[in-house]
Amino acid sequence: MRYIFLEDNYFGFKDSEVNNIEETDVEITEEIYNRFFREQSQGKEFTIKNINGSTFEEIFEKVIIEPVDPQKVEATPFEKLQQENEKLKKQMEETQQSMAEIMNLIAMQQGTPKQ
């Protein structure tokens, strides 16, 4: 027999042949049990609406997953480091270019005779 349990906003399933069944565990039909996993395999997520319900629709409520705006997703710490490294790399290249220009100016000034 299959059972469903609810514990601290977490729900799960038990099988009487494998698990210890508590008084608070609620027996469900094999059909409800199989439907849950069939729907879940299609990417649907559920929460418990009424653990004592007698049908799938009475027991479960589909969770509506709001799409995430990709522009609002915060970069991971690793991605932030990569972005910072790119900025630093550009700054170093600009600094090296400026130093090379200064060295060229110094070399040109030293190469011209003084009057």
C-alpha atoms as a PDB file:
ATOM      1  CA  MET A   1       0.000   0.000   0.000  1.00  0.00           C
ATOM      2  CA  ARG A   2       1.113   3.546  -0.718  1.00  0.00           C
ATOM      3  CA  TYR A   3       0.997   6.417   1.729  1.00  0.00           C
ATOM      4  CA  ILE A   4       1.676  10.121   1.631  1.00  0.00           C
ATOM      5  CA  PHE A   5       3.127  12.075   4.537  1.00  0.00           C
ATOM      6  CA  LEU A   6       3.560  15.721   5.348  1.00  0.00           C
ATOM      7  CA  GLU A   7       6.344  16.990   7.586  1.00  0.00           C
ATOM      8  CA  ASP A   8       7.391  20.641   7.986  1.00  0.00           C
ATOM      9  CA  ASN A   9       6.098  21.781   4.564  1.00  0.00           C
ATOM     10  CA  TYR A  10       7.729  18.737   2.965  1.00  0.00           C
ATOM     11  CA  PHE A  11       5.754  15.826   1.623  1.00  0.00           C
ATOM     12  CA  GLY A  12       6.779  12.418   0.472  1.00  0.00           C
ATOM     13  CA  PHE A  13       5.595   8.916  -0.153  1.00  0.00           C
ATOM     14  CA  LYS A  14       5.938   5.647   1.724  1.00  0.00           C
ATOM     15  CA  ASP A  15       5.420   2.030   0.759  1.00  0.00           C
ATOM     16  CA  SER A  16       4.081  -0.237   3.498  1.00  0.00           C
ATOM     17  CA  GLU A  17       6.367  -3.037   2.324  1.00  0.00           C
ATOM     18  CA  VAL A  18       9.464  -0.879   2.816  1.00  0.00           C
ATOM     19  CA  ASN A  19       8.690   1.927   5.268  1.00  0.00           C
ATOM     20  CA  ASN A  20       7.374   2.259   8.780  1.00  0.00           C
ATOM     21  CA  ILE A  21       3.883   3.742   8.464  1.00  0.00           C
ATOM     22  CA  GLU A  22       2.953   6.391  11.043  1.00  0.00           C
ATOM     23  CA  GLU A  23      -0.569   7.190  12.233  1.00  0.00           C
ATOM     24  CA  THR A  24      -0.356  10.544  10.471  1.00  0.00           C
ATOM     25  CA  ASP A  25       0.508   8.963   7.097  1.00  0.00           C
ATOM     26  CA  VAL A  26      -2.446   8.907   4.706  1.00  0.00           C
ATOM     27  CA  GLU A  27      -3.157   5.974   2.419  1.00  0.00           C
ATOM     28  CA  ILE A  28      -3.471   6.827  -1.270  1.00  0.00           C
ATOM     29  CA  THR A  29      -4.373   4.740  -4.275  1.00  0.00           C
ATOM     30  CA  GLU A  30      -1.814   3.328  -6.638  1.00  0.00           C
ATOM     31  CA  GLU A  31      -3.470   5.439  -9.351  1.00  0.00           C
ATOM     32  CA  ILE A  32      -2.831   8.688  -7.445  1.00  0.00           C
ATOM     33  CA  TYR A  33       0.731   7.625  -6.669  1.00  0.00           C
ATOM     34  CA  ASN A  34       1.473   6.773 -10.315  1.00  0.00           C
ATOM     35  CA  ARG A  35      -0.192   9.927 -11.618  1.00  0.00           C
ATOM     36  CA  PHE A  36       1.931  12.096  -9.355  1.00  0.00           C
ATOM     37  CA  PHE A  37       5.155  10.674 -10.782  1.00  0.00           C
ATOM     38  CA  ARG A  38       3.830  10.683 -14.337  1.00  0.00           C
ATOM     39  CA  GLU A  39       2.935  14.384 -14.058  1.00  0.00           C
ATOM     40  CA  GLN A  40       6.216  15.157 -12.309  1.00  0.00           C
ATOM     41  CA  SER A  41       8.168  13.457 -15.117  1.00  0.00           C
ATOM     42  CA  GLN A  42       6.541  15.977 -17.481  1.00  0.00           C
ATOM     43  CA  GLY A  43       8.099  18.814 -15.507  1.00  0.00           C
ATOM     44  CA  LYS A  44       5.099  19.658 -13.347  1.00  0.00           C
ATOM     45  CA  GLU A  45       5.544  20.487  -9.679  1.00  0.00           C
ATOM     46  CA  PHE A  46       2.985  20.080  -6.929  1.00  0.00           C
ATOM     47  CA  THR A  47       2.313  21.066  -3.361  1.00  0.00           C
ATOM     48  CA  ILE A  48      -0.147  19.571  -0.915  1.00  0.00           C
ATOM     49  CA  LYS A  49      -3.561  21.218  -0.981  1.00  0.00           C
ATOM     50  CA  ASN A  50      -5.361  18.724   1.308  1.00  0.00           C
ATOM     51  CA  ILE A  51      -3.495  15.606   2.428  1.00  0.00           C
ATOM     52  CA  ASN A  52      -6.808  13.975   3.386  1.00  0.00           C
ATOM     53  CA  GLY A  53      -8.334  14.416  -0.061  1.00  0.00           C
ATOM     54  CA  SER A  54      -9.579  11.379  -1.937  1.00  0.00           C
ATOM     55  CA  THR A  55      -8.639  12.363  -5.504  1.00  0.00           C
ATOM     56  CA  PHE A  56      -5.461  13.634  -7.104  1.00  0.00           C
ATOM     57  CA  GLU A  57      -7.012  17.064  -7.598  1.00  0.00           C
ATOM     58  CA  GLU A  58      -8.150  17.222  -3.959  1.00  0.00           C
ATOM     59  CA  ILE A  59      -4.717  16.255  -2.603  1.00  0.00           C
ATOM     60  CA  PHE A  60      -2.357  18.155  -4.904  1.00  0.00           C
ATOM     61  CA  GLU A  61      -2.153  21.668  -6.203  1.00  0.00           C
ATOM     62  CA  LYS A  62       0.011  22.462  -9.198  1.00  0.00           C
ATOM     63  CA  VAL A  63       2.792  24.943  -8.484  1.00  0.00           C
ATOM     64  CA  ILE A  64       2.910  27.705 -11.064  1.00  0.00           C
ATOM     65  CA  ILE A  65       6.553  28.395 -11.789  1.00  0.00           C
ATOM     66  CA  GLU A  66       7.138  32.005 -12.731  1.00  0.00           C
ATOM     67  CA  PRO A  67       9.622  32.355 -15.576  1.00  0.00           C
ATOM     68  CA  VAL A  68      12.850  34.019 -14.567  1.00  0.00           C
ATOM     69  CA  ASP A  69      13.864  37.126 -16.455  1.00  0.00           C
ATOM     70  CA  PRO A  70      17.407  36.264 -17.587  1.00  0.00           C
ATOM     71  CA  GLN A  71      18.445  39.895 -17.222  1.00  0.00           C
ATOM     72  CA  LYS A  72      17.480  39.866 -13.537  1.00  0.00           C
ATOM     73  CA  VAL A  73      19.525  36.791 -12.677  1.00  0.00           C
ATOM     74  CA  GLU A  74      22.462  37.792 -10.519  1.00  0.00           C
ATOM     75  CA  ALA A  75      25.852  36.598 -11.640  1.00  0.00           C
ATOM     76  CA  THR A  76      27.460  33.841  -9.619  1.00  0.00           C
ATOM     77  CA  PRO A  77      30.572  34.709  -7.597  1.00  0.00           C
ATOM     78  CA  PHE A  78      32.662  32.939 -10.241  1.00  0.00           C
ATOM     79  CA  GLU A  79      31.024  34.963 -13.037  1.00  0.00           C
ATOM     80  CA  LYS A  80      31.607  38.174 -11.062  1.00  0.00           C
ATOM     81  CA  LEU A  81      35.291  37.302 -10.746  1.00  0.00           C
ATOM     82  CA  GLN A  82      35.513  36.616 -14.476  1.00  0.00           C
ATOM     83  CA  GLN A  83      33.919  39.993 -15.234  1.00  0.00           C
ATOM     84  CA  GLU A  84      36.268  41.778 -12.832  1.00  0.00           C
ATOM     85  CA  ASN A  85      39.260  39.976 -14.364  1.00  0.00           C
ATOM     86  CA  GLU A  86      38.231  41.151 -17.829  1.00  0.00           C
ATOM     87  CA  LYS A  87      38.027  44.748 -16.583  1.00  0.00           C
ATOM     88  CA  LEU A  88      41.445  44.475 -14.943  1.00  0.00           C
ATOM     89  CA  LYS A  89      42.916  42.917 -18.076  1.00  0.00           C
ATOM     90  CA  LYS A  90      41.675  45.859 -20.172  1.00  0.00           C
ATOM     91  CA  GLN A  91      43.047  48.341 -17.634  1.00  0.00           C
ATOM     92  CA  MET A  92      46.439  46.623 -17.720  1.00  0.00           C
ATOM     93  CA  GLU A  93      46.503  46.683 -21.521  1.00  0.00           C
ATOM     94  CA  GLU A  94      45.634  50.392 -21.520  1.00  0.00           C
ATOM     95  CA  THR A  95      48.323  51.094 -18.920  1.00  0.00           C
ATOM     96  CA  GLN A  96      50.922  49.151 -20.924  1.00  0.00           C
ATOM     97  CA  GLN A  97      49.960  51.064 -24.071  1.00  0.00           C
ATOM     98  CA  SER A  98      50.311  54.392 -22.230  1.00  0.00           C
ATOM     99  CA  MET A  99      53.694  53.358 -20.809  1.00  0.00           C
ATOM    100  CA  ALA A 100      54.913  52.353 -24.263  1.00  0.00           C
ATOM    101  CA  GLU A 101      53.886  55.743 -25.640  1.00  0.00           C
ATOM    102  CA  ILE A 102      55.687  57.543 -22.805  1.00  0.00           C
ATOM    103  CA  MET A 103      58.823  55.436 -23.357  1.00  0.00           C
ATOM    104  CA  ASN A 104      58.737  56.311 -27.061  1.00  0.00           C
ATOM    105  CA  LEU A 105      58.451  60.018 -26.231  1.00  0.00           C
ATOM    106  CA  ILE A 106      61.388  59.796 -23.813  1.00  0.00           C
ATOM    107  CA  ALA A 107      63.463  57.929 -26.373  1.00  0.00           C
ATOM    108  CA  MET A 108      62.664  60.500 -29.050  1.00  0.00           C
ATOM    109  CA  GLN A 109      63.632  63.373 -26.721  1.00  0.00           C
ATOM    110  CA  GLN A 110      66.929  61.730 -25.836  1.00  0.00           C
ATOM    111  CA  GLY A 111      67.723  61.113 -29.491  1.00  0.00           C
ATOM    112  CA  THR A 112      67.435  64.776 -30.582  1.00  0.00           C
ATOM    113  CA  PRO A 113      70.472  67.002 -30.161  1.00  0.00           C
ATOM    114  CA  LYS A 114      70.197  69.860 -27.646  1.00  0.00           C
ATOM    115  CA  GLN A 115      70.875  73.390 -28.891  1.00  0.00           C
END
